[in-house]
Amino acid sequence: MTHDTTRAVDQGDGPAPPRVEVAGPRVRVWTAKFSTRWLPDTPSHRHLTVVWMRLLGNERGTPLLTLQE
């Protein structure tokens, strides 16, 4: 099953840190290579976003973000 919740993003040469963008009742996650589509801003989506961003790692396998970030 595919959900089609990501899309490619061109952000130039340098890697950009992952970030969450909130617009009213919607939220999406941006990274250097992709972003999610707009999702409803619900507690479950916020929790999933925190867990998902914490699982992102670099080429050495170290996390891109700390839990505090």
PDB file of N, CA and C in Angstrom:
ATOM      1  N   MET A   1       0.847  -1.161   0.000  1.00  0.00           N
ATOM      2  CA  MET A   1       0.000   0.000   0.000  1.00  0.00           C
ATOM      3  C   MET A   1       0.903   1.237   0.000  1.00  0.00           C
ATOM      4  N   THR A   2       0.647   2.156  -0.903  1.00  0.00           N
ATOM      5  CA  THR A   2       1.394   3.408  -0.925  1.00  0.00           C
ATOM      6  C   THR A   2       0.507   4.530  -0.428  1.00  0.00           C
ATOM      7  N   HIS A   3       1.116   5.481   0.258  1.00  0.00           N
ATOM      8  CA  HIS A   3       0.357   6.582   0.830  1.00  0.00           C
ATOM      9  C   HIS A   3       0.653   7.907   0.156  1.00  0.00           C
ATOM     10  N   ASP A   4       1.750   7.983  -0.630  1.00  0.00           N
ATOM     11  CA  ASP A   4       2.105   9.206  -1.351  1.00  0.00           C
ATOM     12  C   ASP A   4       2.135  10.410  -0.414  1.00  0.00           C
ATOM     13  N   THR A   5       2.915  10.302   0.682  1.00  0.00           N
ATOM     14  CA  THR A   5       2.984  11.406   1.641  1.00  0.00           C
ATOM     15  C   THR A   5       4.301  12.158   1.582  1.00  0.00           C
ATOM     16  N   THR A   6       5.205  11.788   0.666  1.00  0.00           N
ATOM     17  CA  THR A   6       6.466  12.512   0.533  1.00  0.00           C
ATOM     18  C   THR A   6       6.619  13.024  -0.882  1.00  0.00           C
ATOM     19  N   ARG A   7       7.456  14.060  -1.023  1.00  0.00           N
ATOM     20  CA  ARG A   7       7.749  14.580  -2.347  1.00  0.00           C
ATOM     21  C   ARG A   7       9.179  15.104  -2.349  1.00  0.00           C
ATOM     22  N   ALA A   8       9.796  15.157  -3.513  1.00  0.00           N
ATOM     23  CA  ALA A   8      11.178  15.610  -3.624  1.00  0.00           C
ATOM     24  C   ALA A   8      11.261  17.115  -3.401  1.00  0.00           C
ATOM     25  N   VAL A   9      12.378  17.551  -2.810  1.00  0.00           N
ATOM     26  CA  VAL A   9      12.601  18.966  -2.528  1.00  0.00           C
ATOM     27  C   VAL A   9      14.011  19.323  -2.962  1.00  0.00           C
ATOM     28  N   ASP A  10      14.181  20.401  -3.713  1.00  0.00           N
ATOM     29  CA  ASP A  10      15.498  20.877  -4.103  1.00  0.00           C
ATOM     30  C   ASP A  10      15.850  22.068  -3.229  1.00  0.00           C
ATOM     31  N   GLN A  11      16.865  21.906  -2.349  1.00  0.00           N
ATOM     32  CA  GLN A  11      17.235  22.978  -1.439  1.00  0.00           C
ATOM     33  C   GLN A  11      18.679  23.419  -1.640  1.00  0.00           C
ATOM     34  N   GLY A  12      19.217  23.277  -2.837  1.00  0.00           N
ATOM     35  CA  GLY A  12      20.561  23.755  -3.097  1.00  0.00           C
ATOM     36  C   GLY A  12      21.626  22.735  -2.757  1.00  0.00           C
ATOM     37  N   ASP A  13      22.873  23.215  -2.600  1.00  0.00           N
ATOM     38  CA  ASP A  13      24.014  22.334  -2.414  1.00  0.00           C
ATOM     39  C   ASP A  13      24.195  21.862  -0.978  1.00  0.00           C
ATOM     40  N   GLY A  14      24.036  22.744  -0.009  1.00  0.00           N
ATOM     41  CA  GLY A  14      24.302  22.394   1.384  1.00  0.00           C
ATOM     42  C   GLY A  14      23.145  21.661   2.018  1.00  0.00           C
ATOM     43  N   PRO A  15      23.462  20.714   2.912  1.00  0.00           N
ATOM     44  CA  PRO A  15      22.371  20.014   3.600  1.00  0.00           C
ATOM     45  C   PRO A  15      21.684  20.921   4.609  1.00  0.00           C
ATOM     46  N   ALA A  16      20.386  20.926   4.574  1.00  0.00           N
ATOM     47  CA  ALA A  16      19.606  21.718   5.523  1.00  0.00           C
ATOM     48  C   ALA A  16      19.152  20.796   6.652  1.00  0.00           C
ATOM     49  N   PRO A  17      19.119  21.277   7.876  1.00  0.00           N
ATOM     50  CA  PRO A  17      18.634  20.423   8.962  1.00  0.00           C
ATOM     51  C   PRO A  17      17.139  20.158   8.800  1.00  0.00           C
ATOM     52  N   PRO A  18      16.674  18.993   9.233  1.00  0.00           N
ATOM     53  CA  PRO A  18      15.233  18.722   9.177  1.00  0.00           C
ATOM     54  C   PRO A  18      14.470  19.752   9.995  1.00  0.00           C
ATOM     55  N   ARG A  19      13.268  20.091   9.531  1.00  0.00           N
ATOM     56  CA  ARG A  19      12.458  21.051  10.279  1.00  0.00           C
ATOM     57  C   ARG A  19      10.981  20.730  10.098  1.00  0.00           C
ATOM     58  N   VAL A  20      10.190  21.209  11.027  1.00  0.00           N
ATOM     59  CA  VAL A  20       8.741  21.040  10.970  1.00  0.00           C
ATOM     60  C   VAL A  20       8.132  22.397  10.675  1.00  0.00           C
ATOM     61  N   GLU A  21       7.241  22.441   9.699  1.00  0.00           N
ATOM     62  CA  GLU A  21       6.551  23.676   9.330  1.00  0.00           C
ATOM     63  C   GLU A  21       5.083  23.536   9.715  1.00  0.00           C
ATOM     64  N   VAL A  22       4.574  24.510  10.444  1.00  0.00           N
ATOM     65  CA  VAL A  22       3.184  24.490  10.898  1.00  0.00           C
ATOM     66  C   VAL A  22       2.459  25.678  10.278  1.00  0.00           C
ATOM     67  N   ALA A  23       1.292  25.421   9.704  1.00  0.00           N
ATOM     68  CA  ALA A  23       0.464  26.481   9.127  1.00  0.00           C
ATOM     69  C   ALA A  23      -0.976  26.221   9.551  1.00  0.00           C
ATOM     70  N   GLY A  24      -1.385  26.896  10.615  1.00  0.00           N
ATOM     71  CA  GLY A  24      -2.746  26.703  11.112  1.00  0.00           C
ATOM     72  C   GLY A  24      -2.952  25.276  11.563  1.00  0.00           C
ATOM     73  N   PRO A  25      -3.954  24.602  11.012  1.00  0.00           N
ATOM     74  CA  PRO A  25      -4.247  23.238  11.445  1.00  0.00           C
ATOM     75  C   PRO A  25      -3.476  22.175  10.658  1.00  0.00           C
ATOM     76  N   ARG A  26      -2.397  22.583   9.965  1.00  0.00           N
ATOM     77  CA  ARG A  26      -1.641  21.631   9.145  1.00  0.00           C
ATOM     78  C   ARG A  26      -0.169  21.654   9.550  1.00  0.00           C
ATOM     79  N   VAL A  27       0.509  20.529   9.297  1.00  0.00           N
ATOM     80  CA  VAL A  27       1.925  20.398   9.624  1.00  0.00           C
ATOM     81  C   VAL A  27       2.605  19.573   8.530  1.00  0.00           C
ATOM     82  N   ARG A  28       3.894  19.874   8.277  1.00  0.00           N
ATOM     83  CA  ARG A  28       4.668  19.035   7.370  1.00  0.00           C
ATOM     84  C   ARG A  28       6.128  19.070   7.805  1.00  0.00           C
ATOM     85  N   VAL A  29       6.879  18.060   7.391  1.00  0.00           N
ATOM     86  CA  VAL A  29       8.289  17.917   7.750  1.00  0.00           C
ATOM     87  C   VAL A  29       9.128  18.131   6.493  1.00  0.00           C
ATOM     88  N   TRP A  30      10.170  18.961   6.620  1.00  0.00           N
ATOM     89  CA  TRP A  30      11.106  19.220   5.521  1.00  0.00           C
ATOM     90  C   TRP A  30      12.478  18.677   5.898  1.00  0.00           C
ATOM     91  N   THR A  31      13.149  18.018   4.974  1.00  0.00           N
ATOM     92  CA  THR A  31      14.550  17.644   5.116  1.00  0.00           C
ATOM     93  C   THR A  31      15.274  18.140   3.873  1.00  0.00           C
ATOM     94  N   ALA A  32      16.569  17.888   3.790  1.00  0.00           N
ATOM     95  CA  ALA A  32      17.347  18.341   2.636  1.00  0.00           C
ATOM     96  C   ALA A  32      16.916  17.648   1.350  1.00  0.00           C
ATOM     97  N   LYS A  33      16.394  16.439   1.438  1.00  0.00           N
ATOM     98  CA  LYS A  33      16.080  15.678   0.235  1.00  0.00           C
ATOM     99  C   LYS A  33      14.600  15.480  -0.036  1.00  0.00           C
ATOM    100  N   PHE A  34      13.756  15.613   0.973  1.00  0.00           N
ATOM    101  CA  PHE A  34      12.320  15.384   0.759  1.00  0.00           C
ATOM    102  C   PHE A  34      11.500  16.088   1.815  1.00  0.00           C
ATOM    103  N   SER A  35      10.204  16.105   1.597  1.00  0.00           N
ATOM    104  CA  SER A  35       9.276  16.637   2.590  1.00  0.00           C
ATOM    105  C   SER A  35       7.999  15.814   2.553  1.00  0.00           C
ATOM    106  N   THR A  36       7.271  15.855   3.658  1.00  0.00           N
ATOM    107  CA  THR A  36       5.959  15.228   3.652  1.00  0.00           C
ATOM    108  C   THR A  36       4.957  16.217   3.067  1.00  0.00           C
ATOM    109  N   ARG A  37       3.834  15.730   2.674  1.00  0.00           N
ATOM    110  CA  ARG A  37       2.750  16.626   2.281  1.00  0.00           C
ATOM    111  C   ARG A  37       2.131  17.184   3.554  1.00  0.00           C
ATOM    112  N   TRP A  38       1.248  18.159   3.414  1.00  0.00           N
ATOM    113  CA  TRP A  38       0.573  18.727   4.587  1.00  0.00           C
ATOM    114  C   TRP A  38      -0.286  17.661   5.241  1.00  0.00           C
ATOM    115  N   LEU A  39      -0.144  17.545   6.562  1.00  0.00           N
ATOM    116  CA  LEU A  39      -0.933  16.608   7.354  1.00  0.00           C
ATOM    117  C   LEU A  39      -1.747  17.395   8.370  1.00  0.00           C
ATOM    118  N   PRO A  40      -2.903  16.878   8.788  1.00  0.00           N
ATOM    119  CA  PRO A  40      -3.651  17.548   9.851  1.00  0.00           C
ATOM    120  C   PRO A  40      -2.802  17.605  11.121  1.00  0.00           C
ATOM    121  N   ASP A  41      -2.827  18.721  11.815  1.00  0.00           N
ATOM    122  CA  ASP A  41      -2.041  18.908  13.033  1.00  0.00           C
ATOM    123  C   ASP A  41      -2.804  18.308  14.211  1.00  0.00           C
ATOM    124  N   THR A  42      -2.594  17.007  14.428  1.00  0.00           N
ATOM    125  CA  THR A  42      -3.246  16.289  15.515  1.00  0.00           C
ATOM    126  C   THR A  42      -2.177  15.797  16.493  1.00  0.00           C
ATOM    127  N   PRO A  43      -2.554  15.457  17.719  1.00  0.00           N
ATOM    128  CA  PRO A  43      -1.569  14.925  18.668  1.00  0.00           C
ATOM    129  C   PRO A  43      -0.843  13.687  18.143  1.00  0.00           C
ATOM    130  N   SER A  44      -1.555  12.813  17.452  1.00  0.00           N
ATOM    131  CA  SER A  44      -0.906  11.599  16.942  1.00  0.00           C
ATOM    132  C   SER A  44       0.097  11.933  15.838  1.00  0.00           C
ATOM    133  N   HIS A  45      -0.206  12.904  14.968  1.00  0.00           N
ATOM    134  CA  HIS A  45       0.750  13.306  13.939  1.00  0.00           C
ATOM    135  C   HIS A  45       1.967  13.988  14.556  1.00  0.00           C
ATOM    136  N   ARG A  46       1.763  14.783  15.603  1.00  0.00           N
ATOM    137  CA  ARG A  46       2.904  15.413  16.291  1.00  0.00           C
ATOM    138  C   ARG A  46       3.809  14.355  16.907  1.00  0.00           C
ATOM    139  N   HIS A  47       3.214  13.355  17.563  1.00  0.00           N
ATOM    140  CA  HIS A  47       3.997  12.279  18.169  1.00  0.00           C
ATOM    141  C   HIS A  47       4.772  11.517  17.096  1.00  0.00           C
ATOM    142  N   LEU A  48       4.105  11.157  16.024  1.00  0.00           N
ATOM    143  CA  LEU A  48       4.757  10.435  14.937  1.00  0.00           C
ATOM    144  C   LEU A  48       5.903  11.247  14.345  1.00  0.00           C
ATOM    145  N   THR A  49       5.722  12.563  14.217  1.00  0.00           N
ATOM    146  CA  THR A  49       6.768  13.429  13.676  1.00  0.00           C
ATOM    147  C   THR A  49       7.995  13.414  14.576  1.00  0.00           C
ATOM    148  N   VAL A  50       7.807  13.495  15.880  1.00  0.00           N
ATOM    149  CA  VAL A  50       8.939  13.462  16.808  1.00  0.00           C
ATOM    150  C   VAL A  50       9.675  12.128  16.702  1.00  0.00           C
ATOM    151  N   VAL A  51       8.948  11.039  16.696  1.00  0.00           N
ATOM    152  CA  VAL A  51       9.564   9.710  16.601  1.00  0.00           C
ATOM    153  C   VAL A  51      10.297   9.568  15.276  1.00  0.00           C
ATOM    154  N   TRP A  52       9.667   9.957  14.177  1.00  0.00           N
ATOM    155  CA  TRP A  52      10.263   9.813  12.845  1.00  0.00           C
ATOM    156  C   TRP A  52      11.527  10.648  12.713  1.00  0.00           C
ATOM    157  N   MET A  53      11.496  11.898  13.180  1.00  0.00           N
ATOM    158  CA  MET A  53      12.676  12.750  13.062  1.00  0.00           C
ATOM    159  C   MET A  53      13.810  12.234  13.941  1.00  0.00           C
ATOM    160  N   ARG A  54      13.486  11.628  15.067  1.00  0.00           N
ATOM    161  CA  ARG A  54      14.524  11.069  15.941  1.00  0.00           C
ATOM    162  C   ARG A  54      15.189   9.861  15.290  1.00  0.00           C
ATOM    163  N   LEU A  55      14.483   9.141  14.426  1.00  0.00           N
ATOM    164  CA  LEU A  55      15.046   7.973  13.758  1.00  0.00           C
ATOM    165  C   LEU A  55      15.923   8.323  12.565  1.00  0.00           C
ATOM    166  N   LEU A  56      15.863   9.568  12.076  1.00  0.00           N
ATOM    167  CA  LEU A  56      16.702   9.955  10.948  1.00  0.00           C
ATOM    168  C   LEU A  56      18.170   9.938  11.353  1.00  0.00           C
ATOM    169  N   GLY A  57      19.026   9.419  10.469  1.00  0.00           N
ATOM    170  CA  GLY A  57      20.450   9.365  10.763  1.00  0.00           C
ATOM    171  C   GLY A  57      21.276   9.796   9.573  1.00  0.00           C
ATOM    172  N   ASN A  58      22.557  10.041   9.813  1.00  0.00           N
ATOM    173  CA  ASN A  58      23.469  10.414   8.730  1.00  0.00           C
ATOM    174  C   ASN A  58      24.147   9.165   8.175  1.00  0.00           C
ATOM    175  N   GLU A  59      25.134   9.365   7.298  1.00  0.00           N
ATOM    176  CA  GLU A  59      25.798   8.229   6.661  1.00  0.00           C
ATOM    177  C   GLU A  59      26.610   7.380   7.648  1.00  0.00           C
ATOM    178  N   ARG A  60      26.955   7.923   8.809  1.00  0.00           N
ATOM    179  CA  ARG A  60      27.693   7.165   9.832  1.00  0.00           C
ATOM    180  C   ARG A  60      26.751   6.447  10.798  1.00  0.00           C
ATOM    181  N   GLY A  61      25.458   6.683  10.645  1.00  0.00           N
ATOM    182  CA  GLY A  61      24.479   6.030  11.507  1.00  0.00           C
ATOM    183  C   GLY A  61      24.159   6.776  12.780  1.00  0.00           C
ATOM    184  N   THR A  62      24.701   7.990  12.943  1.00  0.00           N
ATOM    185  CA  THR A  62      24.393   8.775  14.136  1.00  0.00           C
ATOM    186  C   THR A  62      23.128   9.598  13.878  1.00  0.00           C
ATOM    187  N   PRO A  63      22.319   9.828  14.907  1.00  0.00           N
ATOM    188  CA  PRO A  63      21.072  10.575  14.741  1.00  0.00           C
ATOM    189  C   PRO A  63      21.340  12.012  14.270  1.00  0.00           C
ATOM    190  N   LEU A  64      20.472  12.520  13.402  1.00  0.00           N
ATOM    191  CA  LEU A  64      20.581  13.905  12.929  1.00  0.00           C
ATOM    192  C   LEU A  64      20.121  14.878  14.001  1.00  0.00           C
ATOM    193  N   LEU A  65      19.189  14.471  14.831  1.00  0.00           N
ATOM    194  CA  LEU A  65      18.643  15.353  15.874  1.00  0.00           C
ATOM    195  C   LEU A  65      18.661  14.658  17.222  1.00  0.00           C
ATOM    196  N   THR A  66      18.826  15.432  18.270  1.00  0.00           N
ATOM    197  CA  THR A  66      18.662  14.880  19.607  1.00  0.00           C
ATOM    198  C   THR A  66      17.183  14.951  19.972  1.00  0.00           C
ATOM    199  N   LEU A  67      16.812  14.255  21.015  1.00  0.00           N
ATOM    200  CA  LEU A  67      15.413  14.285  21.442  1.00  0.00           C
ATOM    201  C   LEU A  67      14.996  15.683  21.834  1.00  0.00           C
ATOM    202  N   GLN A  68      15.899  16.471  22.441  1.00  0.00           N
ATOM    203  CA  GLN A  68      15.592  17.840  22.829  1.00  0.00           C
ATOM    204  C   GLN A  68      15.348  18.729  21.616  1.00  0.00           C
ATOM    205  N   GLU A  69      16.112  18.518  20.523  1.00  0.00           N
ATOM    206  CA  GLU A  69      15.905  19.337  19.329  1.00  0.00           C
ATOM    207  C   GLU A  69      14.553  19.069  18.735  1.00  0.00           C
TER     208      GLU A  69
END
